[in-house]
């Protein structure tokens, strides 16, 4: 759905640019924004797993990589 909206807005931009270059500013198209929302729904188990990954695992991985690089540089 989002891809088709992007294609339509790209086509609108092209048509508006050509209309502007031809001096036909009255034919420029401006569509209203859609007020519909798509929500991400997940169960509590998935939510807890994502919290553990983002708050715990990912920072520990970067910390581990940093320590490995630091130790290798000290050994040189």
N, C-alpha and C. Protein backbone atom coordinates (compact mmCIF):
# COMPACT_ATOMS: atom_id res chain seq x y z
N UNK A 1 0.82 -1.20 0.00
CA UNK A 1 0.00 0.00 0.00
C UNK A 1 0.87 1.26 0.00
N UNK A 2 1.92 1.27 0.79
CA UNK A 2 2.79 2.44 0.86
C UNK A 2 3.57 2.63 -0.43
N UNK A 3 3.92 1.53 -1.08
CA UNK A 3 4.67 1.63 -2.32
C UNK A 3 3.82 2.31 -3.40
N UNK A 4 2.56 1.94 -3.48
CA UNK A 4 1.70 2.57 -4.49
C UNK A 4 1.49 4.04 -4.19
N UNK A 5 1.43 4.39 -2.91
CA UNK A 5 1.28 5.79 -2.55
C UNK A 5 2.53 6.56 -2.93
N UNK A 6 3.71 5.95 -2.75
CA UNK A 6 4.95 6.61 -3.14
C UNK A 6 5.01 6.79 -4.65
N UNK A 7 4.57 5.79 -5.40
CA UNK A 7 4.57 5.91 -6.86
C UNK A 7 3.60 7.00 -7.30
N UNK A 8 2.43 7.03 -6.68
CA UNK A 8 1.46 8.06 -7.04
C UNK A 8 1.98 9.45 -6.71
N UNK A 9 2.64 9.59 -5.57
CA UNK A 9 3.16 10.91 -5.21
C UNK A 9 4.31 11.29 -6.13
N UNK A 10 5.10 10.31 -6.61
CA UNK A 10 6.15 10.60 -7.57
C UNK A 10 5.57 11.06 -8.90
N UNK A 11 4.49 10.41 -9.32
CA UNK A 11 3.82 10.82 -10.55
C UNK A 11 3.22 12.21 -10.39
N UNK A 12 2.62 12.46 -9.25
CA UNK A 12 2.06 13.79 -8.98
C UNK A 12 3.14 14.85 -9.02
N UNK A 13 4.30 14.54 -8.44
CA UNK A 13 5.40 15.50 -8.44
C UNK A 13 5.84 15.81 -9.86
N UNK A 14 5.97 14.78 -10.69
CA UNK A 14 6.38 14.98 -12.07
C UNK A 14 5.36 15.83 -12.82
N UNK A 15 4.07 15.50 -12.67
CA UNK A 15 3.03 16.26 -13.37
C UNK A 15 3.00 17.70 -12.87
N UNK A 16 3.15 17.89 -11.56
CA UNK A 16 3.18 19.25 -11.01
C UNK A 16 4.39 20.04 -11.51
N UNK A 17 5.55 19.37 -11.61
CA UNK A 17 6.74 20.06 -12.10
C UNK A 17 6.57 20.49 -13.55
N UNK A 18 6.01 19.61 -14.39
CA UNK A 18 5.78 19.96 -15.79
C UNK A 18 4.76 21.08 -15.90
N UNK A 19 3.69 21.00 -15.11
CA UNK A 19 2.68 22.06 -15.13
C UNK A 19 3.28 23.39 -14.71
N UNK A 20 4.13 23.38 -13.70
CA UNK A 20 4.76 24.61 -13.24
C UNK A 20 5.68 25.19 -14.30
N UNK A 21 6.46 24.31 -14.97
CA UNK A 21 7.38 24.79 -16.01
C UNK A 21 6.62 25.37 -17.20
N UNK A 22 5.43 24.83 -17.46
CA UNK A 22 4.63 25.35 -18.57
C UNK A 22 3.80 26.57 -18.18
N UNK A 23 3.88 26.96 -16.90
CA UNK A 23 3.14 28.12 -16.45
C UNK A 23 1.68 27.83 -16.15
N UNK A 24 1.33 26.57 -16.07
CA UNK A 24 -0.05 26.18 -15.78
C UNK A 24 -0.18 25.87 -14.29
N UNK A 25 0.02 26.88 -13.46
CA UNK A 25 0.01 26.68 -12.02
C UNK A 25 -1.38 26.34 -11.48
N UNK A 26 -2.42 26.60 -12.24
CA UNK A 26 -3.76 26.28 -11.79
C UNK A 26 -4.03 24.77 -11.82
N UNK A 27 -3.25 24.03 -12.58
CA UNK A 27 -3.48 22.59 -12.69
C UNK A 27 -2.61 21.76 -11.75
N UNK A 28 -1.92 22.42 -10.80
CA UNK A 28 -1.08 21.69 -9.85
C UNK A 28 -1.97 20.95 -8.86
N UNK A 29 -1.61 19.69 -8.59
CA UNK A 29 -2.42 18.80 -7.76
C UNK A 29 -1.78 18.70 -6.37
N UNK A 30 -2.58 18.91 -5.33
CA UNK A 30 -2.14 18.70 -3.96
C UNK A 30 -3.20 17.85 -3.28
N UNK A 31 -2.83 16.60 -2.92
CA UNK A 31 -3.76 15.70 -2.28
C UNK A 31 -3.76 15.90 -0.77
N UNK A 32 -4.90 15.66 -0.15
CA UNK A 32 -5.00 15.72 1.30
C UNK A 32 -4.32 14.50 1.91
N UNK A 33 -3.77 14.66 3.10
CA UNK A 33 -3.14 13.55 3.79
C UNK A 33 -4.19 12.59 4.31
N UNK A 34 -3.85 11.32 4.31
CA UNK A 34 -4.72 10.30 4.87
C UNK A 34 -4.58 10.29 6.38
N UNK A 35 -5.68 10.18 7.09
CA UNK A 35 -5.64 10.17 8.54
C UNK A 35 -5.72 8.77 9.12
N UNK A 36 -5.60 7.76 8.29
CA UNK A 36 -5.65 6.38 8.78
C UNK A 36 -4.26 5.97 9.26
N UNK A 37 -4.23 5.16 10.30
CA UNK A 37 -2.98 4.71 10.89
C UNK A 37 -2.92 3.20 10.85
N UNK A 38 -1.71 2.67 10.67
CA UNK A 38 -1.47 1.24 10.77
C UNK A 38 -0.69 1.00 12.04
N UNK A 39 -1.27 0.25 12.96
CA UNK A 39 -0.63 -0.01 14.24
C UNK A 39 0.10 -1.35 14.22
N UNK A 40 1.20 -1.40 14.93
CA UNK A 40 1.94 -2.64 15.10
C UNK A 40 1.43 -3.32 16.36
N UNK A 41 0.89 -4.48 16.20
CA UNK A 41 0.39 -5.22 17.36
C UNK A 41 1.23 -6.46 17.56
N UNK A 42 1.57 -6.74 18.82
CA UNK A 42 2.34 -7.93 19.15
C UNK A 42 1.94 -8.39 20.54
N UNK A 43 2.17 -9.65 20.81
CA UNK A 43 1.82 -10.17 22.12
C UNK A 43 2.88 -9.79 23.15
N UNK A 44 2.60 -10.03 24.41
CA UNK A 44 3.50 -9.59 25.48
C UNK A 44 4.82 -10.35 25.45
N UNK A 45 4.82 -11.60 24.99
CA UNK A 45 6.05 -12.37 24.91
C UNK A 45 7.01 -11.78 23.88
N UNK A 46 6.49 -11.40 22.73
CA UNK A 46 7.32 -10.78 21.70
C UNK A 46 7.83 -9.42 22.16
N UNK A 47 6.97 -8.67 22.84
CA UNK A 47 7.37 -7.37 23.36
C UNK A 47 8.50 -7.51 24.38
N UNK A 48 8.38 -8.48 25.26
CA UNK A 48 9.43 -8.71 26.26
C UNK A 48 10.74 -9.12 25.60
N UNK A 49 10.67 -9.97 24.58
CA UNK A 49 11.87 -10.39 23.87
C UNK A 49 12.56 -9.20 23.20
N UNK A 50 11.78 -8.33 22.56
CA UNK A 50 12.37 -7.15 21.92
C UNK A 50 13.00 -6.21 22.94
N UNK A 51 12.39 -6.08 24.11
CA UNK A 51 12.97 -5.25 25.17
C UNK A 51 14.31 -5.81 25.63
N UNK A 52 14.37 -7.12 25.84
CA UNK A 52 15.62 -7.75 26.29
C UNK A 52 16.70 -7.58 25.23
N UNK A 53 16.34 -7.75 23.96
CA UNK A 53 17.33 -7.61 22.89
C UNK A 53 17.86 -6.19 22.79
N UNK A 54 16.95 -5.21 22.80
CA UNK A 54 17.39 -3.83 22.58
C UNK A 54 18.06 -3.22 23.81
N UNK A 55 17.63 -3.61 25.00
CA UNK A 55 18.19 -3.01 26.20
C UNK A 55 19.38 -3.79 26.73
N UNK A 56 19.42 -5.09 26.49
CA UNK A 56 20.47 -5.90 27.06
C UNK A 56 21.46 -6.47 26.07
N UNK A 57 20.98 -7.24 25.11
CA UNK A 57 21.88 -8.00 24.24
C UNK A 57 22.68 -7.10 23.30
N UNK A 58 22.03 -6.21 22.62
CA UNK A 58 22.73 -5.36 21.64
C UNK A 58 23.80 -4.50 22.32
N UNK A 59 23.50 -3.82 23.43
CA UNK A 59 24.58 -3.06 24.08
C UNK A 59 25.73 -3.94 24.56
N UNK A 60 25.42 -5.15 25.05
CA UNK A 60 26.50 -6.05 25.49
C UNK A 60 27.36 -6.51 24.33
N UNK A 61 26.77 -6.72 23.17
CA UNK A 61 27.54 -7.09 21.98
C UNK A 61 28.51 -5.96 21.61
N UNK A 62 28.02 -4.73 21.60
CA UNK A 62 28.90 -3.60 21.28
C UNK A 62 29.97 -3.42 22.34
N UNK A 63 29.63 -3.62 23.59
CA UNK A 63 30.62 -3.52 24.66
C UNK A 63 31.68 -4.59 24.47
N UNK A 64 31.26 -5.82 24.15
CA UNK A 64 32.22 -6.90 23.91
C UNK A 64 33.14 -6.60 22.75
N UNK A 65 32.59 -6.10 21.67
CA UNK A 65 33.42 -5.73 20.51
C UNK A 65 34.42 -4.65 20.89
N UNK A 66 33.97 -3.68 21.66
CA UNK A 66 34.86 -2.61 22.10
C UNK A 66 35.98 -3.12 22.97
N UNK A 67 35.66 -4.05 23.86
CA UNK A 67 36.71 -4.61 24.73
C UNK A 67 37.71 -5.41 23.91
N UNK A 68 37.24 -6.20 22.95
CA UNK A 68 38.15 -6.96 22.10
C UNK A 68 39.08 -6.03 21.33
N UNK A 69 38.55 -4.97 20.76
CA UNK A 69 39.40 -4.01 20.02
C UNK A 69 40.39 -3.34 20.95
N UNK A 70 39.95 -2.98 22.14
CA UNK A 70 40.83 -2.32 23.11
C UNK A 70 41.98 -3.24 23.52
N UNK A 71 41.66 -4.52 23.79
CA UNK A 71 42.70 -5.48 24.20
C UNK A 71 43.70 -5.70 23.07
N UNK A 72 43.22 -5.84 21.85
CA UNK A 72 44.14 -6.04 20.71
C UNK A 72 45.05 -4.84 20.51
N UNK A 73 44.53 -3.64 20.70
CA UNK A 73 45.36 -2.45 20.53
C UNK A 73 46.40 -2.33 21.63
N UNK A 74 46.06 -2.77 22.82
CA UNK A 74 47.01 -2.70 23.94
C UNK A 74 48.14 -3.70 23.76
N UNK A 75 47.89 -4.80 23.08
CA UNK A 75 48.90 -5.84 22.89
C UNK A 75 49.93 -5.45 21.82
N UNK A 76 49.64 -4.47 21.01
CA UNK A 76 50.60 -4.06 19.95
C UNK A 76 51.76 -3.31 20.51
